[in-house]
Amino acid sequence: MRTIVYIDGYNFYFGLLKNTTYKWLDAVALVKHICRIQNPEFDIIAVKFFTAPVITRVSSRGEKAQQAQNSYHRALTLSYPDILDIINGYHILEKGYPPRYNKPIVTETCAST
């Protein structure tokens, strides 16, 4: 079965790898392994790795964090040139203004006859 895998790089790092010894974990090999266990017929044809460049001014490691991220992405790209696609997004550091709760949504109920 032809399969495309999508990885949220931000949550992959901050939810799984940060503060561990696995920062250089091969994300593509991991998802290939997981998919093979789930269904040996999976054929990984693409891995989409969504991420955003490190913002050095807010990173605790500054330039070193950016260099490490670039090295990690380069290593993955060189290892999987035919299937890996790194998609760079961006961070928004400004304060957000979500809509405020005013009153509950009223729903009409249907009376049964």
PDB file of N, CA and C in Angstrom:
ATOM      1  N   MET A   1       0.838  -1.161   0.000  1.00  0.00           N
ATOM      2  CA  MET A   1       0.000   0.000   0.000  1.00  0.00           C
ATOM      3  C   MET A   1       0.896   1.242   0.000  1.00  0.00           C
ATOM      4  N   ARG A   2       0.743   2.081  -1.012  1.00  0.00           N
ATOM      5  CA  ARG A   2       1.533   3.311  -1.116  1.00  0.00           C
ATOM      6  C   ARG A   2       1.128   4.272   0.009  1.00  0.00           C
ATOM      7  N   THR A   3       2.124   4.743   0.753  1.00  0.00           N
ATOM      8  CA  THR A   3       1.853   5.527   1.954  1.00  0.00           C
ATOM      9  C   THR A   3       2.733   6.764   2.003  1.00  0.00           C
ATOM     10  N   ILE A   4       2.125   7.892   2.392  1.00  0.00           N
ATOM     11  CA  ILE A   4       2.864   9.122   2.654  1.00  0.00           C
ATOM     12  C   ILE A   4       2.748   9.404   4.148  1.00  0.00           C
ATOM     13  N   VAL A   5       3.871   9.700   4.776  1.00  0.00           N
ATOM     14  CA  VAL A   5       3.916   9.967   6.208  1.00  0.00           C
ATOM     15  C   VAL A   5       4.151  11.464   6.422  1.00  0.00           C
ATOM     16  N   TYR A   6       3.395  12.040   7.355  1.00  0.00           N
ATOM     17  CA  TYR A   6       3.527  13.451   7.709  1.00  0.00           C
ATOM     18  C   TYR A   6       4.038  13.548   9.141  1.00  0.00           C
ATOM     19  N   ILE A   7       5.109  14.313   9.331  1.00  0.00           N
ATOM     20  CA  ILE A   7       5.706  14.470  10.658  1.00  0.00           C
ATOM     21  C   ILE A   7       5.650  15.944  11.058  1.00  0.00           C
ATOM     22  N   ASP A   8       5.132  16.206  12.238  1.00  0.00           N
ATOM     23  CA  ASP A   8       5.148  17.543  12.820  1.00  0.00           C
ATOM     24  C   ASP A   8       6.477  17.667  13.563  1.00  0.00           C
ATOM     25  N   GLY A   9       7.452  18.276  12.920  1.00  0.00           N
ATOM     26  CA  GLY A   9       8.795  18.355  13.468  1.00  0.00           C
ATOM     27  C   GLY A   9       8.885  19.072  14.800  1.00  0.00           C
ATOM     28  N   TYR A  10       8.064  20.099  14.994  1.00  0.00           N
ATOM     29  CA  TYR A  10       8.088  20.859  16.254  1.00  0.00           C
ATOM     30  C   TYR A  10       7.686  19.955  17.417  1.00  0.00           C
ATOM     31  N   ASN A  11       6.559  19.272  17.284  1.00  0.00           N
ATOM     32  CA  ASN A  11       6.102  18.381  18.361  1.00  0.00           C
ATOM     33  C   ASN A  11       6.963  17.131  18.452  1.00  0.00           C
ATOM     34  N   PHE A  12       7.517  16.687  17.341  1.00  0.00           N
ATOM     35  CA  PHE A  12       8.434  15.552  17.356  1.00  0.00           C
ATOM     36  C   PHE A  12       9.627  15.879  18.249  1.00  0.00           C
ATOM     37  N   TYR A  13      10.169  17.089  18.100  1.00  0.00           N
ATOM     38  CA  TYR A  13      11.329  17.478  18.916  1.00  0.00           C
ATOM     39  C   TYR A  13      10.921  17.791  20.351  1.00  0.00           C
ATOM     40  N   PHE A  14       9.992  18.742  20.532  1.00  0.00           N
ATOM     41  CA  PHE A  14       9.673  19.197  21.883  1.00  0.00           C
ATOM     42  C   PHE A  14       8.857  18.178  22.671  1.00  0.00           C
ATOM     43  N   GLY A  15       8.104  17.329  22.008  1.00  0.00           N
ATOM     44  CA  GLY A  15       7.311  16.342  22.721  1.00  0.00           C
ATOM     45  C   GLY A  15       8.013  15.016  22.945  1.00  0.00           C
ATOM     46  N   LEU A  16       9.068  14.752  22.170  1.00  0.00           N
ATOM     47  CA  LEU A  16       9.688  13.436  22.236  1.00  0.00           C
ATOM     48  C   LEU A  16      11.200  13.471  22.476  1.00  0.00           C
ATOM     49  N   LEU A  17      11.899  14.367  21.801  1.00  0.00           N
ATOM     50  CA  LEU A  17      13.356  14.288  21.796  1.00  0.00           C
ATOM     51  C   LEU A  17      14.084  15.242  22.736  1.00  0.00           C
ATOM     52  N   LYS A  18      13.520  16.409  22.993  1.00  0.00           N
ATOM     53  CA  LYS A  18      14.217  17.399  23.807  1.00  0.00           C
ATOM     54  C   LYS A  18      14.545  16.808  25.177  1.00  0.00           C
ATOM     55  N   ASN A  19      15.700  17.139  25.668  1.00  0.00           N
ATOM     56  CA  ASN A  19      16.200  16.664  26.971  1.00  0.00           C
ATOM     57  C   ASN A  19      16.414  15.151  26.997  1.00  0.00           C
ATOM     58  N   THR A  20      16.650  14.568  25.831  1.00  0.00           N
ATOM     59  CA  THR A  20      17.004  13.145  25.758  1.00  0.00           C
ATOM     60  C   THR A  20      18.321  13.018  25.000  1.00  0.00           C
ATOM     61  N   THR A  21      18.822  11.812  24.934  1.00  0.00           N
ATOM     62  CA  THR A  21      20.049  11.557  24.158  1.00  0.00           C
ATOM     63  C   THR A  21      19.719  11.197  22.711  1.00  0.00           C
ATOM     64  N   TYR A  22      18.454  11.313  22.313  1.00  0.00           N
ATOM     65  CA  TYR A  22      18.021  10.883  20.980  1.00  0.00           C
ATOM     66  C   TYR A  22      17.783  12.025  20.007  1.00  0.00           C
ATOM     67  N   LYS A  23      18.441  13.165  20.199  1.00  0.00           N
ATOM     68  CA  LYS A  23      18.193  14.317  19.332  1.00  0.00           C
ATOM     69  C   LYS A  23      18.508  14.036  17.866  1.00  0.00           C
ATOM     70  N   TRP A  24      19.375  13.089  17.599  1.00  0.00           N
ATOM     71  CA  TRP A  24      19.733  12.745  16.222  1.00  0.00           C
ATOM     72  C   TRP A  24      18.987  11.491  15.749  1.00  0.00           C
ATOM     73  N   LEU A  25      17.855  11.218  16.362  1.00  0.00           N
ATOM     74  CA  LEU A  25      17.040  10.073  15.981  1.00  0.00           C
ATOM     75  C   LEU A  25      16.673  10.169  14.505  1.00  0.00           C
ATOM     76  N   ASP A  26      16.819   9.091  13.786  1.00  0.00           N
ATOM     77  CA  ASP A  26      16.480   9.046  12.363  1.00  0.00           C
ATOM     78  C   ASP A  26      14.961   8.945  12.238  1.00  0.00           C
ATOM     79  N   ALA A  27      14.302  10.076  12.041  1.00  0.00           N
ATOM     80  CA  ALA A  27      12.840  10.140  12.012  1.00  0.00           C
ATOM     81  C   ALA A  27      12.257   9.283  10.885  1.00  0.00           C
ATOM     82  N   VAL A  28      12.912   9.253   9.754  1.00  0.00           N
ATOM     83  CA  VAL A  28      12.398   8.474   8.620  1.00  0.00           C
ATOM     84  C   VAL A  28      12.493   6.982   8.918  1.00  0.00           C
ATOM     85  N   ALA A  29      13.611   6.539   9.450  1.00  0.00           N
ATOM     86  CA  ALA A  29      13.755   5.123   9.808  1.00  0.00           C
ATOM     87  C   ALA A  29      12.726   4.735  10.865  1.00  0.00           C
ATOM     88  N   LEU A  30      12.474   5.636  11.817  1.00  0.00           N
ATOM     89  CA  LEU A  30      11.480   5.361  12.861  1.00  0.00           C
ATOM     90  C   LEU A  30      10.096   5.151  12.265  1.00  0.00           C
ATOM     91  N   VAL A  31       9.644   6.071  11.402  1.00  0.00           N
ATOM     92  CA  VAL A  31       8.300   5.911  10.846  1.00  0.00           C
ATOM     93  C   VAL A  31       8.220   4.716   9.905  1.00  0.00           C
ATOM     94  N   LYS A  32       9.303   4.418   9.200  1.00  0.00           N
ATOM     95  CA  LYS A  32       9.306   3.213   8.358  1.00  0.00           C
ATOM     96  C   LYS A  32       9.132   1.961   9.219  1.00  0.00           C
ATOM     97  N   HIS A  33       9.825   1.937  10.348  1.00  0.00           N
ATOM     98  CA  HIS A  33       9.735   0.797  11.262  1.00  0.00           C
ATOM     99  C   HIS A  33       8.324   0.665  11.835  1.00  0.00           C
ATOM    100  N   ILE A  34       7.761   1.776  12.280  1.00  0.00           N
ATOM    101  CA  ILE A  34       6.411   1.758  12.838  1.00  0.00           C
ATOM    102  C   ILE A  34       5.404   1.289  11.791  1.00  0.00           C
ATOM    103  N   CYS A  35       5.518   1.807  10.594  1.00  0.00           N
ATOM    104  CA  CYS A  35       4.587   1.413   9.522  1.00  0.00           C
ATOM    105  C   CYS A  35       4.735  -0.061   9.167  1.00  0.00           C
ATOM    106  N   ARG A  36       5.966  -0.556   9.151  1.00  0.00           N
ATOM    107  CA  ARG A  36       6.199  -1.972   8.825  1.00  0.00           C
ATOM    108  C   ARG A  36       5.559  -2.879   9.878  1.00  0.00           C
ATOM    109  N   ILE A  37       5.616  -2.452  11.147  1.00  0.00           N
ATOM    110  CA  ILE A  37       4.984  -3.229  12.214  1.00  0.00           C
ATOM    111  C   ILE A  37       3.460  -3.201  12.054  1.00  0.00           C
ATOM    112  N   GLN A  38       2.919  -2.023  11.731  1.00  0.00           N
ATOM    113  CA  GLN A  38       1.471  -1.888  11.574  1.00  0.00           C
ATOM    114  C   GLN A  38       0.944  -2.711  10.405  1.00  0.00           C
ATOM    115  N   ASN A  39       1.652  -2.649   9.287  1.00  0.00           N
ATOM    116  CA  ASN A  39       1.225  -3.372   8.095  1.00  0.00           C
ATOM    117  C   ASN A  39       2.449  -3.557   7.195  1.00  0.00           C
ATOM    118  N   PRO A  40       2.956  -4.760   7.076  1.00  0.00           N
ATOM    119  CA  PRO A  40       4.156  -5.006   6.265  1.00  0.00           C
ATOM    120  C   PRO A  40       3.989  -4.618   4.790  1.00  0.00           C
ATOM    121  N   GLU A  41       2.765  -4.413   4.360  1.00  0.00           N
ATOM    122  CA  GLU A  41       2.540  -4.036   2.964  1.00  0.00           C
ATOM    123  C   GLU A  41       2.651  -2.535   2.716  1.00  0.00           C
ATOM    124  N   PHE A  42       2.851  -1.736   3.779  1.00  0.00           N
ATOM    125  CA  PHE A  42       3.041  -0.299   3.584  1.00  0.00           C
ATOM    126  C   PHE A  42       4.290  -0.064   2.746  1.00  0.00           C
ATOM    127  N   ASP A  43       4.179   0.782   1.755  1.00  0.00           N
ATOM    128  CA  ASP A  43       5.311   1.198   0.927  1.00  0.00           C
ATOM    129  C   ASP A  43       5.426   2.711   1.097  1.00  0.00           C
ATOM    130  N   ILE A  44       6.395   3.150   1.901  1.00  0.00           N
ATOM    131  CA  ILE A  44       6.558   4.578   2.174  1.00  0.00           C
ATOM    132  C   ILE A  44       7.115   5.237   0.913  1.00  0.00           C
ATOM    133  N   ILE A  45       6.283   6.032   0.260  1.00  0.00           N
ATOM    134  CA  ILE A  45       6.725   6.699  -0.968  1.00  0.00           C
ATOM    135  C   ILE A  45       7.158   8.143  -0.712  1.00  0.00           C
ATOM    136  N   ALA A  46       6.768   8.701   0.440  1.00  0.00           N
ATOM    137  CA  ALA A  46       7.175  10.069   0.773  1.00  0.00           C
ATOM    138  C   ALA A  46       7.038  10.296   2.271  1.00  0.00           C
ATOM    139  N   VAL A  47       7.937  11.132   2.789  1.00  0.00           N
ATOM    140  CA  VAL A  47       7.863  11.585   4.168  1.00  0.00           C
ATOM    141  C   VAL A  47       7.902  13.108   4.117  1.00  0.00           C
ATOM    142  N   LYS A  48       6.866  13.729   4.631  1.00  0.00           N
ATOM    143  CA  LYS A  48       6.755  15.190   4.679  1.00  0.00           C
ATOM    144  C   LYS A  48       7.068  15.621   6.106  1.00  0.00           C
ATOM    145  N   PHE A  49       8.168  16.327   6.287  1.00  0.00           N
ATOM    146  CA  PHE A  49       8.633  16.750   7.604  1.00  0.00           C
ATOM    147  C   PHE A  49       8.402  18.249   7.728  1.00  0.00           C
ATOM    148  N   PHE A  50       7.390  18.623   8.511  1.00  0.00           N
ATOM    149  CA  PHE A  50       7.029  20.027   8.684  1.00  0.00           C
ATOM    150  C   PHE A  50       7.779  20.598   9.877  1.00  0.00           C
ATOM    151  N   THR A  51       8.409  21.739   9.682  1.00  0.00           N
ATOM    152  CA  THR A  51       9.234  22.329  10.718  1.00  0.00           C
ATOM    153  C   THR A  51       9.271  23.839  10.554  1.00  0.00           C
ATOM    154  N   ALA A  52      10.017  24.505  11.376  1.00  0.00           N
ATOM    155  CA  ALA A  52      10.263  25.940  11.255  1.00  0.00           C
ATOM    156  C   ALA A  52      11.689  26.192  11.731  1.00  0.00           C
ATOM    157  N   PRO A  53      12.388  27.096  11.073  1.00  0.00           N
ATOM    158  CA  PRO A  53      13.765  27.381  11.489  1.00  0.00           C
ATOM    159  C   PRO A  53      13.819  27.909  12.924  1.00  0.00           C
ATOM    160  N   VAL A  54      14.859  27.530  13.627  1.00  0.00           N
ATOM    161  CA  VAL A  54      15.072  28.005  14.990  1.00  0.00           C
ATOM    162  C   VAL A  54      15.210  29.533  14.965  1.00  0.00           C
ATOM    163  N   ILE A  55      14.578  30.191  15.912  1.00  0.00           N
ATOM    164  CA  ILE A  55      14.762  31.632  16.079  1.00  0.00           C
ATOM    165  C   ILE A  55      15.846  31.806  17.137  1.00  0.00           C
ATOM    166  N   THR A  56      17.008  32.218  16.694  1.00  0.00           N
ATOM    167  CA  THR A  56      18.168  32.230  17.588  1.00  0.00           C
ATOM    168  C   THR A  56      18.010  33.186  18.767  1.00  0.00           C
ATOM    169  N   ARG A  57      17.281  34.281  18.592  1.00  0.00           N
ATOM    170  CA  ARG A  57      17.171  35.261  19.685  1.00  0.00           C
ATOM    171  C   ARG A  57      16.310  34.758  20.840  1.00  0.00           C
ATOM    172  N   VAL A  58      15.486  33.727  20.627  1.00  0.00           N
ATOM    173  CA  VAL A  58      14.681  33.184  21.720  1.00  0.00           C
ATOM    174  C   VAL A  58      15.121  31.778  22.123  1.00  0.00           C
ATOM    175  N   SER A  59      16.059  31.216  21.385  1.00  0.00           N
ATOM    176  CA  SER A  59      16.547  29.877  21.696  1.00  0.00           C
ATOM    177  C   SER A  59      17.560  29.935  22.834  1.00  0.00           C
ATOM    178  N   SER A  60      17.487  28.964  23.735  1.00  0.00           N
ATOM    179  CA  SER A  60      18.429  28.940  24.865  1.00  0.00           C
ATOM    180  C   SER A  60      19.857  28.664  24.389  1.00  0.00           C
ATOM    181  N   ARG A  61      20.001  28.044  23.219  1.00  0.00           N
ATOM    182  CA  ARG A  61      21.333  27.736  22.688  1.00  0.00           C
ATOM    183  C   ARG A  61      21.735  28.646  21.533  1.00  0.00           C
ATOM    184  N   GLY A  62      20.870  29.585  21.160  1.00  0.00           N
ATOM    185  CA  GLY A  62      21.199  30.574  20.139  1.00  0.00           C
ATOM    186  C   GLY A  62      21.622  29.969  18.809  1.00  0.00           C
ATOM    187  N   GLU A  63      22.751  30.449  18.301  1.00  0.00           N
ATOM    188  CA  GLU A  63      23.270  30.006  16.996  1.00  0.00           C
ATOM    189  C   GLU A  63      23.543  28.492  16.964  1.00  0.00           C
ATOM    190  N   LYS A  64      23.957  27.936  18.090  1.00  0.00           N
ATOM    191  CA  LYS A  64      24.246  26.494  18.131  1.00  0.00           C
ATOM    192  C   LYS A  64      22.996  25.670  17.834  1.00  0.00           C
ATOM    193  N   ALA A  65      21.842  26.128  18.317  1.00  0.00           N
ATOM    194  CA  ALA A  65      20.584  25.420  18.049  1.00  0.00           C
ATOM    195  C   ALA A  65      20.257  25.461  16.561  1.00  0.00           C
ATOM    196  N   GLN A  66      20.459  26.611  15.950  1.00  0.00           N
ATOM    197  CA  GLN A  66      20.187  26.747  14.517  1.00  0.00           C
ATOM    198  C   GLN A  66      21.140  25.866  13.707  1.00  0.00           C
ATOM    199  N   GLN A  67      22.401  25.842  14.075  1.00  0.00           N
ATOM    200  CA  GLN A  67      23.383  25.009  13.381  1.00  0.00           C
ATOM    201  C   GLN A  67      23.049  23.524  13.539  1.00  0.00           C
ATOM    202  N   ALA A  68      22.647  23.128  14.741  1.00  0.00           N
ATOM    203  CA  ALA A  68      22.284  21.729  14.984  1.00  0.00           C
ATOM    204  C   ALA A  68      21.064  21.338  14.154  1.00  0.00           C
ATOM    205  N   GLN A  69      20.047  22.216  14.114  1.00  0.00           N
ATOM    206  CA  GLN A  69      18.859  21.922  13.313  1.00  0.00           C
ATOM    207  C   GLN A  69      19.224  21.795  11.836  1.00  0.00           C
ATOM    208  N   ASN A  70      20.048  22.713  11.335  1.00  0.00           N
ATOM    209  CA  ASN A  70      20.461  22.649   9.930  1.00  0.00           C
ATOM    210  C   ASN A  70      21.225  21.360   9.638  1.00  0.00           C
ATOM    211  N   SER A  71      22.098  20.954  10.548  1.00  0.00           N
ATOM    212  CA  SER A  71      22.859  19.710  10.363  1.00  0.00           C
ATOM    213  C   SER A  71      21.941  18.497  10.365  1.00  0.00           C
ATOM    214  N   TYR A  72      20.969  18.488  11.268  1.00  0.00           N
ATOM    215  CA  TYR A  72      20.014  17.378  11.350  1.00  0.00           C
ATOM    216  C   TYR A  72      19.205  17.268  10.059  1.00  0.00           C
ATOM    217  N   HIS A  73      18.688  18.397   9.590  1.00  0.00           N
ATOM    218  CA  HIS A  73      17.901  18.384   8.343  1.00  0.00           C
ATOM    219  C   HIS A  73      18.760  17.962   7.154  1.00  0.00           C
ATOM    220  N   ARG A  74      19.996  18.432   7.117  1.00  0.00           N
ATOM    221  CA  ARG A  74      20.905  18.062   6.021  1.00  0.00           C
ATOM    222  C   ARG A  74      21.193  16.555   6.050  1.00  0.00           C
ATOM    223  N   ALA A  75      21.399  16.009   7.244  1.00  0.00           N
ATOM    224  CA  ALA A  75      21.672  14.567   7.368  1.00  0.00           C
ATOM    225  C   ALA A  75      20.472  13.748   6.902  1.00  0.00           C
ATOM    226  N   LEU A  76      19.262  14.151   7.303  1.00  0.00           N
ATOM    227  CA  LEU A  76      18.065  13.430   6.859  1.00  0.00           C
ATOM    228  C   LEU A  76      17.892  13.533   5.344  1.00  0.00           C
ATOM    229  N   THR A  77      18.108  14.726   4.798  1.00  0.00           N
ATOM    230  CA  THR A  77      17.951  14.939   3.359  1.00  0.00           C
ATOM    231  C   THR A  77      18.952  14.109   2.567  1.00  0.00           C
ATOM    232  N   LEU A  78      20.194  14.046   3.042  1.00  0.00           N
ATOM    233  CA  LEU A  78      21.212  13.247   2.340  1.00  0.00           C
ATOM    234  C   LEU A  78      20.926  11.751   2.454  1.00  0.00           C
ATOM    235  N   SER A  79      20.327  11.341   3.563  1.00  0.00           N
ATOM    236  CA  SER A  79      20.023   9.921   3.769  1.00  0.00           C
ATOM    237  C   SER A  79      18.807   9.463   2.974  1.00  0.00           C
ATOM    238  N   TYR A  80      17.862  10.374   2.746  1.00  0.00           N
ATOM    239  CA  TYR A  80      16.609  10.007   2.075  1.00  0.00           C
ATOM    240  C   TYR A  80      16.246  11.021   0.984  1.00  0.00           C
ATOM    241  N   PRO A  81      17.125  11.209  -0.001  1.00  0.00           N
ATOM    242  CA  PRO A  81      16.868  12.248  -1.009  1.00  0.00           C
ATOM    243  C   PRO A  81      15.638  11.983  -1.877  1.00  0.00           C
ATOM    244  N   ASP A  82      15.266  10.725  -2.013  1.00  0.00           N
ATOM    245  CA  ASP A  82      14.152  10.390  -2.909  1.00  0.00           C
ATOM    246  C   ASP A  82      12.783  10.471  -2.253  1.00  0.00           C
ATOM    247  N   ILE A  83      12.730  10.417  -0.916  1.00  0.00           N
ATOM    248  CA  ILE A  83      11.402  10.400  -0.281  1.00  0.00           C
ATOM    249  C   ILE A  83      11.163  11.518   0.717  1.00  0.00           C
ATOM    250  N   LEU A  84      12.226  12.152   1.233  1.00  0.00           N
ATOM    251  CA  LEU A  84      12.042  13.166   2.276  1.00  0.00           C
ATOM    252  C   LEU A  84      11.850  14.553   1.681  1.00  0.00           C
ATOM    253  N   ASP A  85      10.854  15.245   2.214  1.00  0.00           N
ATOM    254  CA  ASP A  85      10.596  16.632   1.841  1.00  0.00           C
ATOM    255  C   ASP A  85      10.461  17.424   3.136  1.00  0.00           C
ATOM    256  N   ILE A  86      11.403  18.346   3.383  1.00  0.00           N
ATOM    257  CA  ILE A  86      11.347  19.191   4.577  1.00  0.00           C
ATOM    258  C   ILE A  86      10.622  20.474   4.193  1.00  0.00           C
ATOM    259  N   ILE A  87       9.511  20.711   4.863  1.00  0.00           N
ATOM    260  CA  ILE A  87       8.679  21.880   4.585  1.00  0.00           C
ATOM    261  C   ILE A  87       8.863  22.874   5.730  1.00  0.00           C
ATOM    262  N   ASN A  88       9.465  24.016   5.413  1.00  0.00           N
ATOM    263  CA  ASN A  88       9.727  25.037   6.427  1.00  0.00           C
ATOM    264  C   ASN A  88       8.562  26.000   6.540  1.00  0.00           C
ATOM    265  N   GLY A  89       8.072  26.128   7.745  1.00  0.00           N
ATOM    266  CA  GLY A  89       7.059  27.120   8.058  1.00  0.00           C
ATOM    267  C   GLY A  89       7.727  28.268   8.791  1.00  0.00           C
ATOM    268  N   TYR A  90       7.020  28.846   9.729  1.00  0.00           N
ATOM    269  CA  TYR A  90       7.568  29.964  10.480  1.00  0.00           C
ATOM    270  C   TYR A  90       6.905  30.031  11.849  1.00  0.00           C
ATOM    271  N   HIS A  91       7.580  30.700  12.758  1.00  0.00           N
ATOM    272  CA  HIS A  91       7.052  30.924  14.102  1.00  0.00           C
ATOM    273  C   HIS A  91       6.375  32.282  14.145  1.00  0.00           C
ATOM    274  N   ILE A  92       5.363  32.408  14.965  1.00  0.00           N
ATOM    275  CA  ILE A  92       4.750  33.702  15.237  1.00  0.00           C
ATOM    276  C   ILE A  92       4.937  33.965  16.733  1.00  0.00           C
ATOM    277  N   LEU A  93       5.657  35.009  17.045  1.00  0.00           N
ATOM    278  CA  LEU A  93       5.957  35.311  18.437  1.00  0.00           C
ATOM    279  C   LEU A  93       5.044  36.381  19.029  1.00  0.00           C
ATOM    280  N   GLU A  94       4.250  37.039  18.183  1.00  0.00           N
ATOM    281  CA  GLU A  94       3.359  38.076  18.686  1.00  0.00           C
ATOM    282  C   GLU A  94       2.206  37.444  19.456  1.00  0.00           C
ATOM    283  N   LYS A  95       1.643  38.228  20.361  1.00  0.00           N
ATOM    284  CA  LYS A  95       0.508  37.763  21.141  1.00  0.00           C
ATOM    285  C   LYS A  95      -0.707  37.591  20.233  1.00  0.00           C
ATOM    286  N   GLY A  96      -1.405  36.490  20.396  1.00  0.00           N
ATOM    287  CA  GLY A  96      -2.609  36.236  19.603  1.00  0.00           C
ATOM    288  C   GLY A  96      -3.848  36.776  20.308  1.00  0.00           C
ATOM    289  N   TYR A  97      -4.891  36.998  19.558  1.00  0.00           N
ATOM    290  CA  TYR A  97      -6.150  37.497  20.111  1.00  0.00           C
ATOM    291  C   TYR A  97      -7.299  36.607  19.640  1.00  0.00           C
ATOM    292  N   PRO A  98      -7.487  35.460  20.315  1.00  0.00           N
ATOM    293  CA  PRO A  98      -8.590  34.574  19.915  1.00  0.00           C
ATOM    294  C   PRO A  98      -9.933  35.217  20.246  1.00  0.00           C
ATOM    295  N   PRO A  99     -10.999  34.777  19.602  1.00  0.00           N
ATOM    296  CA  PRO A  99     -12.317  35.342  19.901  1.00  0.00           C
ATOM    297  C   PRO A  99     -12.706  35.078  21.357  1.00  0.00           C
ATOM    298  N   ARG A 100     -13.409  36.002  21.950  1.00  0.00           N
ATOM    299  CA  ARG A 100     -13.840  35.883  23.341  1.00  0.00           C
ATOM    300  C   ARG A 100     -15.173  35.153  23.420  1.00  0.00           C
ATOM    301  N   TYR A 101     -15.363  34.411  24.498  1.00  0.00           N
ATOM    302  CA  TYR A 101     -16.622  33.720  24.753  1.00  0.00           C
ATOM    303  C   TYR A 101     -17.644  34.739  25.241  1.00  0.00           C
ATOM    304  N   ASN A 102     -18.793  34.815  24.585  1.00  0.00           N
ATOM    305  CA  ASN A 102     -19.835  35.743  24.997  1.00  0.00           C
ATOM    306  C   ASN A 102     -21.032  35.024  25.605  1.00  0.00           C
ATOM    307  N   LYS A 103     -21.589  34.119  24.869  1.00  0.00           N
ATOM    308  CA  LYS A 103     -22.741  33.372  25.369  1.00  0.00           C
ATOM    309  C   LYS A 103     -22.772  32.026  24.656  1.00  0.00           C
ATOM    310  N   PRO A 104     -23.415  31.044  25.249  1.00  0.00           N
ATOM    311  CA  PRO A 104     -23.431  29.719  24.618  1.00  0.00           C
ATOM    312  C   PRO A 104     -24.244  29.727  23.325  1.00  0.00           C
ATOM    313  N   ILE A 105     -23.869  28.820  22.457  1.00  0.00           N
ATOM    314  CA  ILE A 105     -24.613  28.650  21.217  1.00  0.00           C
ATOM    315  C   ILE A 105     -25.907  27.932  21.544  1.00  0.00           C
ATOM    316  N   VAL A 106     -27.013  28.469  21.096  1.00  0.00           N
ATOM    317  CA  VAL A 106     -28.305  27.863  21.357  1.00  0.00           C
ATOM    318  C   VAL A 106     -28.621  26.919  20.197  1.00  0.00           C
ATOM    319  N   THR A 107     -28.951  25.707  20.553  1.00  0.00           N
ATOM    320  CA  THR A 107     -29.345  24.738  19.528  1.00  0.00           C
ATOM    321  C   THR A 107     -30.796  24.369  19.730  1.00  0.00           C
ATOM    322  N   GLU A 108     -31.508  24.215  18.668  1.00  0.00           N
ATOM    323  CA  GLU A 108     -32.910  23.819  18.758  1.00  0.00           C
ATOM    324  C   GLU A 108     -32.986  22.305  18.869  1.00  0.00           C
ATOM    325  N   THR A 109     -33.884  21.856  19.702  1.00  0.00           N
ATOM    326  CA  THR A 109     -34.080  20.413  19.824  1.00  0.00           C
ATOM    327  C   THR A 109     -35.337  20.013  19.083  1.00  0.00           C
ATOM    328  N   CYS A 110     -35.332  18.858  18.526  1.00  0.00           N
ATOM    329  CA  CYS A 110     -36.480  18.357  17.794  1.00  0.00           C
ATOM    330  C   CYS A 110     -37.354  17.537  18.751  1.00  0.00           C
ATOM    331  N   ALA A 111     -38.625  17.833  18.753  1.00  0.00           N
ATOM    332  CA  ALA A 111     -39.570  17.060  19.582  1.00  0.00           C
ATOM    333  C   ALA A 111     -40.037  15.839  18.777  1.00  0.00           C
ATOM    334  N   SER A 112     -40.022  14.705  19.425  1.00  0.00           N
ATOM    335  CA  SER A 112     -40.472  13.494  18.723  1.00  0.00           C
ATOM    336  C   SER A 112     -41.992  13.353  18.879  1.00  0.00           C
ATOM    337  N   THR A 113     -42.622  12.848  17.855  1.00  0.00           N
ATOM    338  CA  THR A 113     -44.086  12.710  17.881  1.00  0.00           C
ATOM    339  C   THR A 113     -44.504  11.302  18.176  1.00  0.00           C
TER     340      THR A 113
END
